[in-house]
Amino acid sequence: MSTVDTTEDVLRVGGGTAPEQLAGAIAAAVNKGEPPTLRAIGAAAVSQAVKGCIIASQYVAATGHNIAFKPGFTNVDINGKEITAITMRVVVD
């Protein structure tokens, strides 16, 4: 399930996130002029994030936007334990 963390302006992606719903959230944010950053922890979550990005690029192409994704790493504190997460920042051309 993806959720918007408004304190960090991040879409959190999990292994069970539906790629089509994630793509819709990405496209809506891009159309508002607020491209999001995605954060995923674990192989399944990263896979869903990549699928969502691919679908989102098709959604926004219909509105004349071209988007790309800049990958990176971030550290996240979960229950007092620091874990490395993958981030994907949406960039609008």
PDB file of N, CA and C in Angstrom:
ATOM      1  N   MET A   1       0.839  -1.178   0.000  1.00  0.00           N
ATOM      2  CA  MET A   1       0.000   0.000   0.000  1.00  0.00           C
ATOM      3  C   MET A   1       0.882   1.238   0.000  1.00  0.00           C
ATOM      4  N   SER A   2       0.568   2.175  -0.863  1.00  0.00           N
ATOM      5  CA  SER A   2       1.345   3.413  -0.867  1.00  0.00           C
ATOM      6  C   SER A   2       0.594   4.458  -0.065  1.00  0.00           C
ATOM      7  N   THR A   3       1.328   5.259   0.650  1.00  0.00           N
ATOM      8  CA  THR A   3       0.709   6.333   1.409  1.00  0.00           C
ATOM      9  C   THR A   3       1.528   7.593   1.223  1.00  0.00           C
ATOM     10  N   VAL A   4       0.884   8.711   1.363  1.00  0.00           N
ATOM     11  CA  VAL A   4       1.597   9.972   1.259  1.00  0.00           C
ATOM     12  C   VAL A   4       1.991  10.415   2.654  1.00  0.00           C
ATOM     13  N   ASP A   5       3.267  10.607   2.861  1.00  0.00           N
ATOM     14  CA  ASP A   5       3.788  11.097   4.128  1.00  0.00           C
ATOM     15  C   ASP A   5       4.010  12.594   3.946  1.00  0.00           C
ATOM     16  N   THR A   6       3.038  13.399   4.364  1.00  0.00           N
ATOM     17  CA  THR A   6       3.077  14.832   4.084  1.00  0.00           C
ATOM     18  C   THR A   6       4.210  15.549   4.814  1.00  0.00           C
ATOM     19  N   THR A   7       4.705  14.977   5.894  1.00  0.00           N
ATOM     20  CA  THR A   7       5.801  15.639   6.593  1.00  0.00           C
ATOM     21  C   THR A   7       7.089  15.547   5.784  1.00  0.00           C
ATOM     22  N   GLU A   8       7.222  14.533   4.968  1.00  0.00           N
ATOM     23  CA  GLU A   8       8.419  14.375   4.155  1.00  0.00           C
ATOM     24  C   GLU A   8       8.111  14.530   2.669  1.00  0.00           C
ATOM     25  N   ASP A   9       6.843  14.675   2.286  1.00  0.00           N
ATOM     26  CA  ASP A   9       6.424  14.779   0.892  1.00  0.00           C
ATOM     27  C   ASP A   9       6.923  13.581   0.089  1.00  0.00           C
ATOM     28  N   VAL A  10       6.640  12.372   0.601  1.00  0.00           N
ATOM     29  CA  VAL A  10       7.133  11.133   0.017  1.00  0.00           C
ATOM     30  C   VAL A  10       5.976  10.157  -0.163  1.00  0.00           C
ATOM     31  N   LEU A  11       5.971   9.442  -1.304  1.00  0.00           N
ATOM     32  CA  LEU A  11       5.054   8.321  -1.484  1.00  0.00           C
ATOM     33  C   LEU A  11       5.796   7.067  -1.031  1.00  0.00           C
ATOM     34  N   ARG A  12       5.311   6.444   0.019  1.00  0.00           N
ATOM     35  CA  ARG A  12       5.941   5.222   0.514  1.00  0.00           C
ATOM     36  C   ARG A  12       5.341   4.042  -0.231  1.00  0.00           C
ATOM     37  N   VAL A  13       6.200   3.200  -0.790  1.00  0.00           N
ATOM     38  CA  VAL A  13       5.764   2.077  -1.609  1.00  0.00           C
ATOM     39  C   VAL A  13       6.118   0.779  -0.895  1.00  0.00           C
ATOM     40  N   GLY A  14       5.152  -0.125  -0.822  1.00  0.00           N
ATOM     41  CA  GLY A  14       5.365  -1.432  -0.217  1.00  0.00           C
ATOM     42  C   GLY A  14       5.264  -2.529  -1.264  1.00  0.00           C
ATOM     43  N   GLY A  15       5.610  -3.721  -0.881  1.00  0.00           N
ATOM     44  CA  GLY A  15       5.547  -4.858  -1.792  1.00  0.00           C
ATOM     45  C   GLY A  15       4.145  -5.156  -2.282  1.00  0.00           C
ATOM     46  N   GLY A  16       3.143  -4.754  -1.517  1.00  0.00           N
ATOM     47  CA  GLY A  16       1.756  -4.993  -1.902  1.00  0.00           C
ATOM     48  C   GLY A  16       1.090  -3.817  -2.601  1.00  0.00           C
ATOM     49  N   THR A  17       1.854  -2.771  -2.886  1.00  0.00           N
ATOM     50  CA  THR A  17       1.309  -1.599  -3.558  1.00  0.00           C
ATOM     51  C   THR A  17       0.871  -1.969  -4.971  1.00  0.00           C
ATOM     52  N   ALA A  18      -0.342  -1.568  -5.349  1.00  0.00           N
ATOM     53  CA  ALA A  18      -0.830  -1.796  -6.713  1.00  0.00           C
ATOM     54  C   ALA A  18      -0.161  -0.772  -7.636  1.00  0.00           C
ATOM     55  N   PRO A  19       0.582  -1.224  -8.650  1.00  0.00           N
ATOM     56  CA  PRO A  19       1.292  -0.294  -9.525  1.00  0.00           C
ATOM     57  C   PRO A  19       0.385   0.723 -10.216  1.00  0.00           C
ATOM     58  N   GLU A  20      -0.823   0.301 -10.592  1.00  0.00           N
ATOM     59  CA  GLU A  20      -1.745   1.213 -11.264  1.00  0.00           C
ATOM     60  C   GLU A  20      -2.187   2.338 -10.337  1.00  0.00           C
ATOM     61  N   GLN A  21      -2.441   2.019  -9.078  1.00  0.00           N
ATOM     62  CA  GLN A  21      -2.834   3.054  -8.111  1.00  0.00           C
ATOM     63  C   GLN A  21      -1.665   3.991  -7.819  1.00  0.00           C
ATOM     64  N   LEU A  22      -0.480   3.438  -7.712  1.00  0.00           N
ATOM     65  CA  LEU A  22       0.713   4.253  -7.498  1.00  0.00           C
ATOM     66  C   LEU A  22       0.916   5.189  -8.691  1.00  0.00           C
ATOM     67  N   ALA A  23       0.756   4.662  -9.892  1.00  0.00           N
ATOM     68  CA  ALA A  23       0.908   5.472 -11.102  1.00  0.00           C
ATOM     69  C   ALA A  23      -0.094   6.613 -11.115  1.00  0.00           C
ATOM     70  N   GLY A  24      -1.322   6.343 -10.690  1.00  0.00           N
ATOM     71  CA  GLY A  24      -2.337   7.393 -10.616  1.00  0.00           C
ATOM     72  C   GLY A  24      -1.939   8.477  -9.628  1.00  0.00           C
ATOM     73  N   ALA A  25      -1.375   8.089  -8.495  1.00  0.00           N
ATOM     74  CA  ALA A  25      -0.933   9.066  -7.494  1.00  0.00           C
ATOM     75  C   ALA A  25       0.227   9.897  -8.023  1.00  0.00           C
ATOM     76  N   ILE A  26       1.150   9.259  -8.728  1.00  0.00           N
ATOM     77  CA  ILE A  26       2.281   9.982  -9.315  1.00  0.00           C
ATOM     78  C   ILE A  26       1.778  10.970 -10.361  1.00  0.00           C
ATOM     79  N   ALA A  27       0.906  10.499 -11.263  1.00  0.00           N
ATOM     80  CA  ALA A  27       0.376  11.351 -12.334  1.00  0.00           C
ATOM     81  C   ALA A  27      -0.402  12.535 -11.763  1.00  0.00           C
ATOM     82  N   ALA A  28      -1.206  12.295 -10.733  1.00  0.00           N
ATOM     83  CA  ALA A  28      -1.980  13.381 -10.120  1.00  0.00           C
ATOM     84  C   ALA A  28      -1.048  14.438  -9.526  1.00  0.00           C
ATOM     85  N   ALA A  29       0.001  13.999  -8.863  1.00  0.00           N
ATOM     86  CA  ALA A  29       0.959  14.937  -8.275  1.00  0.00           C
ATOM     87  C   ALA A  29       1.683  15.739  -9.360  1.00  0.00           C
ATOM     88  N   VAL A  30       2.064  15.069 -10.436  1.00  0.00           N
ATOM     89  CA  VAL A  30       2.743  15.749 -11.541  1.00  0.00           C
ATOM     90  C   VAL A  30       1.814  16.785 -12.165  1.00  0.00           C
ATOM     91  N   ASN A  31       0.552  16.413 -12.371  1.00  0.00           N
ATOM     92  CA  ASN A  31      -0.410  17.341 -12.973  1.00  0.00           C
ATOM     93  C   ASN A  31      -0.701  18.543 -12.080  1.00  0.00           C
ATOM     94  N   LYS A  32      -0.505  18.388 -10.760  1.00  0.00           N
ATOM     95  CA  LYS A  32      -0.657  19.507  -9.818  1.00  0.00           C
ATOM     96  C   LYS A  32       0.601  20.367  -9.764  1.00  0.00           C
ATOM     97  N   GLY A  33       1.657  19.919 -10.417  1.00  0.00           N
ATOM     98  CA  GLY A  33       2.920  20.647 -10.375  1.00  0.00           C
ATOM     99  C   GLY A  33       3.749  20.329  -9.152  1.00  0.00           C
ATOM    100  N   GLU A  34       3.467  19.200  -8.515  1.00  0.00           N
ATOM    101  CA  GLU A  34       4.184  18.784  -7.309  1.00  0.00           C
ATOM    102  C   GLU A  34       4.749  17.373  -7.473  1.00  0.00           C
ATOM    103  N   PRO A  35       5.769  17.193  -8.320  1.00  0.00           N
ATOM    104  CA  PRO A  35       6.305  15.848  -8.539  1.00  0.00           C
ATOM    105  C   PRO A  35       6.769  15.208  -7.228  1.00  0.00           C
ATOM    106  N   PRO A  36       6.365  13.970  -6.969  1.00  0.00           N
ATOM    107  CA  PRO A  36       6.697  13.322  -5.695  1.00  0.00           C
ATOM    108  C   PRO A  36       8.052  12.613  -5.719  1.00  0.00           C
ATOM    109  N   THR A  37       8.436  12.167  -4.555  1.00  0.00           N
ATOM    110  CA  THR A  37       9.560  11.249  -4.389  1.00  0.00           C
ATOM    111  C   THR A  37       8.979   9.956  -3.851  1.00  0.00           C
ATOM    112  N   LEU A  38       9.415   8.830  -4.397  1.00  0.00           N
ATOM    113  CA  LEU A  38       8.967   7.523  -3.924  1.00  0.00           C
ATOM    114  C   LEU A  38      10.034   6.952  -3.012  1.00  0.00           C
ATOM    115  N   ARG A  39       9.607   6.177  -2.005  1.00  0.00           N
ATOM    116  CA  ARG A  39      10.559   5.514  -1.100  1.00  0.00           C
ATOM    117  C   ARG A  39      10.141   4.065  -0.959  1.00  0.00           C
ATOM    118  N   ALA A  40      11.067   3.145  -1.193  1.00  0.00           N
ATOM    119  CA  ALA A  40      10.775   1.718  -1.126  1.00  0.00           C
ATOM    120  C   ALA A  40      11.863   0.995  -0.338  1.00  0.00           C
ATOM    121  N   ILE A  41      11.426   0.023   0.464  1.00  0.00           N
ATOM    122  CA  ILE A  41      12.353  -0.790   1.236  1.00  0.00           C
ATOM    123  C   ILE A  41      12.085  -2.248   0.879  1.00  0.00           C
ATOM    124  N   GLY A  42      13.085  -2.921   0.339  1.00  0.00           N
ATOM    125  CA  GLY A  42      12.952  -4.325  -0.029  1.00  0.00           C
ATOM    126  C   GLY A  42      12.727  -4.512  -1.522  1.00  0.00           C
ATOM    127  N   ALA A  43      13.077  -5.695  -1.994  1.00  0.00           N
ATOM    128  CA  ALA A  43      13.025  -5.994  -3.423  1.00  0.00           C
ATOM    129  C   ALA A  43      11.608  -5.889  -3.996  1.00  0.00           C
ATOM    130  N   ALA A  44      10.627  -6.420  -3.287  1.00  0.00           N
ATOM    131  CA  ALA A  44       9.253  -6.386  -3.791  1.00  0.00           C
ATOM    132  C   ALA A  44       8.751  -4.949  -3.895  1.00  0.00           C
ATOM    133  N   ALA A  45       9.083  -4.122  -2.917  1.00  0.00           N
ATOM    134  CA  ALA A  45       8.656  -2.718  -2.939  1.00  0.00           C
ATOM    135  C   ALA A  45       9.329  -1.955  -4.076  1.00  0.00           C
ATOM    136  N   VAL A  46      10.615  -2.210  -4.296  1.00  0.00           N
ATOM    137  CA  VAL A  46      11.322  -1.544  -5.389  1.00  0.00           C
ATOM    138  C   VAL A  46      10.718  -1.962  -6.732  1.00  0.00           C
ATOM    139  N   SER A  47      10.388  -3.222  -6.876  1.00  0.00           N
ATOM    140  CA  SER A  47       9.760  -3.708  -8.105  1.00  0.00           C
ATOM    141  C   SER A  47       8.438  -2.990  -8.362  1.00  0.00           C
ATOM    142  N   GLN A  48       7.607  -2.852  -7.335  1.00  0.00           N
ATOM    143  CA  GLN A  48       6.325  -2.165  -7.489  1.00  0.00           C
ATOM    144  C   GLN A  48       6.530  -0.690  -7.822  1.00  0.00           C
ATOM    145  N   ALA A  49       7.543  -0.076  -7.231  1.00  0.00           N
ATOM    146  CA  ALA A  49       7.838   1.332  -7.505  1.00  0.00           C
ATOM    147  C   ALA A  49       8.236   1.526  -8.967  1.00  0.00           C
ATOM    148  N   VAL A  50       9.083   0.630  -9.482  1.00  0.00           N
ATOM    149  CA  VAL A  50       9.513   0.727 -10.878  1.00  0.00           C
ATOM    150  C   VAL A  50       8.310   0.553 -11.809  1.00  0.00           C
ATOM    151  N   LYS A  51       7.468  -0.435 -11.529  1.00  0.00           N
ATOM    152  CA  LYS A  51       6.275  -0.643 -12.355  1.00  0.00           C
ATOM    153  C   LYS A  51       5.375   0.592 -12.323  1.00  0.00           C
ATOM    154  N   GLY A  52       5.166   1.148 -11.141  1.00  0.00           N
ATOM    155  CA  GLY A  52       4.340   2.348 -11.011  1.00  0.00           C
ATOM    156  C   GLY A  52       4.898   3.513 -11.799  1.00  0.00           C
ATOM    157  N   CYS A  53       6.218   3.661 -11.796  1.00  0.00           N
ATOM    158  CA  CYS A  53       6.866   4.742 -12.550  1.00  0.00           C
ATOM    159  C   CYS A  53       6.665   4.570 -14.043  1.00  0.00           C
ATOM    160  N   ILE A  54       6.797   3.350 -14.530  1.00  0.00           N
ATOM    161  CA  ILE A  54       6.622   3.086 -15.958  1.00  0.00           C
ATOM    162  C   ILE A  54       5.191   3.406 -16.384  1.00  0.00           C
ATOM    163  N   ILE A  55       4.227   2.955 -15.604  1.00  0.00           N
ATOM    164  CA  ILE A  55       2.821   3.213 -15.927  1.00  0.00           C
ATOM    165  C   ILE A  55       2.524   4.705 -15.840  1.00  0.00           C
ATOM    166  N   ALA A  56       3.060   5.376 -14.828  1.00  0.00           N
ATOM    167  CA  ALA A  56       2.831   6.817 -14.663  1.00  0.00           C
ATOM    168  C   ALA A  56       3.360   7.599 -15.856  1.00  0.00           C
ATOM    169  N   SER A  57       4.498   7.184 -16.393  1.00  0.00           N
ATOM    170  CA  SER A  57       5.055   7.901 -17.545  1.00  0.00           C
ATOM    171  C   SER A  57       4.112   7.807 -18.738  1.00  0.00           C
ATOM    172  N   GLN A  58       3.407   6.700 -18.862  1.00  0.00           N
ATOM    173  CA  GLN A  58       2.413   6.555 -19.931  1.00  0.00           C
ATOM    174  C   GLN A  58       1.195   7.434 -19.654  1.00  0.00           C
ATOM    175  N   TYR A  59       0.770   7.503 -18.397  1.00  0.00           N
ATOM    176  CA  TYR A  59      -0.383   8.342 -18.030  1.00  0.00           C
ATOM    177  C   TYR A  59      -0.126   9.809 -18.344  1.00  0.00           C
ATOM    178  N   VAL A  60       1.031  10.320 -17.940  1.00  0.00           N
ATOM    179  CA  VAL A  60       1.286  11.755 -18.111  1.00  0.00           C
ATOM    180  C   VAL A  60       1.681  12.112 -19.531  1.00  0.00           C
ATOM    181  N   ALA A  61       2.116  11.151 -20.315  1.00  0.00           N
ATOM    182  CA  ALA A  61       2.432  11.416 -21.720  1.00  0.00           C
ATOM    183  C   ALA A  61       1.194  11.911 -22.457  1.00  0.00           C
ATOM    184  N   ALA A  62       0.031  11.426 -22.058  1.00  0.00           N
ATOM    185  CA  ALA A  62      -1.222  11.842 -22.687  1.00  0.00           C
ATOM    186  C   ALA A  62      -1.529  13.317 -22.425  1.00  0.00           C
ATOM    187  N   THR A  63      -0.943  13.888 -21.383  1.00  0.00           N
ATOM    188  CA  THR A  63      -1.160  15.304 -21.061  1.00  0.00           C
ATOM    189  C   THR A  63       0.002  16.181 -21.535  1.00  0.00           C
ATOM    190  N   GLY A  64       0.934  15.575 -22.272  1.00  0.00           N
ATOM    191  CA  GLY A  64       2.052  16.338 -22.816  1.00  0.00           C
ATOM    192  C   GLY A  64       3.264  16.438 -21.910  1.00  0.00           C
ATOM    193  N   HIS A  65       3.227  15.758 -20.776  1.00  0.00           N
ATOM    194  CA  HIS A  65       4.373  15.780 -19.869  1.00  0.00           C
ATOM    195  C   HIS A  65       5.307  14.609 -20.185  1.00  0.00           C
ATOM    196  N   ASN A  66       6.568  14.823 -19.940  1.00  0.00           N
ATOM    197  CA  ASN A  66       7.556  13.758 -20.024  1.00  0.00           C
ATOM    198  C   ASN A  66       8.228  13.689 -18.661  1.00  0.00           C
ATOM    199  N   ILE A  67       8.201  12.511 -18.038  1.00  0.00           N
ATOM    200  CA  ILE A  67       8.798  12.390 -16.709  1.00  0.00           C
ATOM    201  C   ILE A  67       9.931  11.366 -16.718  1.00  0.00           C
ATOM    202  N   ALA A  68      10.851  11.598 -15.819  1.00  0.00           N
ATOM    203  CA  ALA A  68      11.967  10.681 -15.604  1.00  0.00           C
ATOM    204  C   ALA A  68      12.089  10.483 -14.099  1.00  0.00           C
ATOM    205  N   PHE A  69      12.902   9.527 -13.705  1.00  0.00           N
ATOM    206  CA  PHE A  69      13.043   9.202 -12.298  1.00  0.00           C
ATOM    207  C   PHE A  69      14.510   9.141 -11.923  1.00  0.00           C
ATOM    208  N   LYS A  70      14.876   9.870 -10.883  1.00  0.00           N
ATOM    209  CA  LYS A  70      16.261   9.910 -10.409  1.00  0.00           C
ATOM    210  C   LYS A  70      16.367   9.036  -9.165  1.00  0.00           C
ATOM    211  N   PRO A  71      17.058   7.900  -9.264  1.00  0.00           N
ATOM    212  CA  PRO A  71      17.165   6.995  -8.110  1.00  0.00           C
ATOM    213  C   PRO A  71      18.209   7.471  -7.108  1.00  0.00           C
ATOM    214  N   GLY A  72      18.027   7.021  -5.885  1.00  0.00           N
ATOM    215  CA  GLY A  72      18.980   7.345  -4.837  1.00  0.00           C
ATOM    216  C   GLY A  72      18.752   6.475  -3.618  1.00  0.00           C
ATOM    217  N   PHE A  73      19.476   6.779  -2.560  1.00  0.00           N
ATOM    218  CA  PHE A  73      19.364   6.063  -1.291  1.00  0.00           C
ATOM    219  C   PHE A  73      19.034   7.060  -0.188  1.00  0.00           C
ATOM    220  N   THR A  74      18.372   6.570   0.836  1.00  0.00           N
ATOM    221  CA  THR A  74      18.151   7.348   2.043  1.00  0.00           C
ATOM    222  C   THR A  74      18.132   6.382   3.223  1.00  0.00           C
ATOM    223  N   ASN A  75      18.426   6.891   4.382  1.00  0.00           N
ATOM    224  CA  ASN A  75      18.359   6.074   5.598  1.00  0.00           C
ATOM    225  C   ASN A  75      17.070   6.402   6.331  1.00  0.00           C
ATOM    226  N   VAL A  76      16.384   5.359   6.788  1.00  0.00           N
ATOM    227  CA  VAL A  76      15.107   5.491   7.467  1.00  0.00           C
ATOM    228  C   VAL A  76      15.205   4.832   8.831  1.00  0.00           C
ATOM    229  N   ASP A  77      14.687   5.503   9.851  1.00  0.00           N
ATOM    230  CA  ASP A  77      14.667   4.936  11.201  1.00  0.00           C
ATOM    231  C   ASP A  77      13.355   4.201  11.404  1.00  0.00           C
ATOM    232  N   ILE A  78      13.418   2.891  11.563  1.00  0.00           N
ATOM    233  CA  ILE A  78      12.231   2.078  11.810  1.00  0.00           C
ATOM    234  C   ILE A  78      12.436   1.339  13.122  1.00  0.00           C
ATOM    235  N   ASN A  79      11.612   1.689  14.098  1.00  0.00           N
ATOM    236  CA  ASN A  79      11.695   1.076  15.432  1.00  0.00           C
ATOM    237  C   ASN A  79      13.102   1.148  16.019  1.00  0.00           C
ATOM    238  N   GLY A  80      13.745   2.299  15.846  1.00  0.00           N
ATOM    239  CA  GLY A  80      15.074   2.493  16.402  1.00  0.00           C
ATOM    240  C   GLY A  80      16.196   1.855  15.604  1.00  0.00           C
ATOM    241  N   LYS A  81      15.867   1.266  14.462  1.00  0.00           N
ATOM    242  CA  LYS A  81      16.874   0.623  13.635  1.00  0.00           C
ATOM    243  C   LYS A  81      16.989   1.389  12.315  1.00  0.00           C
ATOM    244  N   GLU A  82      18.198   1.726  11.917  1.00  0.00           N
ATOM    245  CA  GLU A  82      18.411   2.461  10.676  1.00  0.00           C
ATOM    246  C   GLU A  82      18.474   1.492   9.500  1.00  0.00           C
ATOM    247  N   ILE A  83      17.607   1.741   8.500  1.00  0.00           N
ATOM    248  CA  ILE A  83      17.513   0.888   7.319  1.00  0.00           C
ATOM    249  C   ILE A  83      17.715   1.757   6.081  1.00  0.00           C
ATOM    250  N   THR A  84      18.394   1.205   5.093  1.00  0.00           N
ATOM    251  CA  THR A  84      18.589   1.922   3.833  1.00  0.00           C
ATOM    252  C   THR A  84      17.399   1.664   2.920  1.00  0.00           C
ATOM    253  N   ALA A  85      16.854   2.740   2.365  1.00  0.00           N
ATOM    254  CA  ALA A  85      15.729   2.652   1.444  1.00  0.00           C
ATOM    255  C   ALA A  85      16.145   3.202   0.087  1.00  0.00           C
ATOM    256  N   ILE A  86      15.468   2.747  -0.947  1.00  0.00           N
ATOM    257  CA  ILE A  86      15.659   3.273  -2.293  1.00  0.00           C
ATOM    258  C   ILE A  86      14.681   4.432  -2.477  1.00  0.00           C
ATOM    259  N   THR A  87      15.163   5.535  -3.042  1.00  0.00           N
ATOM    260  CA  THR A  87      14.279   6.644  -3.376  1.00  0.00           C
ATOM    261  C   THR A  87      14.271   6.826  -4.889  1.00  0.00           C
ATOM    262  N   MET A  88      13.147   7.300  -5.397  1.00  0.00           N
ATOM    263  CA  MET A  88      13.022   7.614  -6.816  1.00  0.00           C
ATOM    264  C   MET A  88      12.341   8.977  -6.898  1.00  0.00           C
ATOM    265  N   ARG A  89      13.113   9.998  -7.254  1.00  0.00           N
ATOM    266  CA  ARG A  89      12.570  11.355  -7.361  1.00  0.00           C
ATOM    267  C   ARG A  89      12.028  11.550  -8.766  1.00  0.00           C
ATOM    268  N   VAL A  90      10.790  12.004  -8.874  1.00  0.00           N
ATOM    269  CA  VAL A  90      10.169  12.251 -10.169  1.00  0.00           C
ATOM    270  C   VAL A  90      10.655  13.599 -10.698  1.00  0.00           C
ATOM    271  N   VAL A  91      11.116  13.596 -11.938  1.00  0.00           N
ATOM    272  CA  VAL A  91      11.611  14.796 -12.599  1.00  0.00           C
ATOM    273  C   VAL A  91      10.757  15.012 -13.835  1.00  0.00           C
ATOM    274  N   VAL A  92      10.200  16.241 -13.981  1.00  0.00           N
ATOM    275  CA  VAL A  92       9.355  16.562 -15.125  1.00  0.00           C
ATOM    276  C   VAL A  92      10.165  17.353 -16.138  1.00  0.00           C
ATOM    277  N   ASP A  93      10.134  16.879 -17.391  1.00  0.00           N
ATOM    278  CA  ASP A  93      10.806  17.597 -18.483  1.00  0.00           C
ATOM    279  C   ASP A  93       9.825  18.538 -19.153  1.00  0.00           C
TER     280      ASP A  93
END
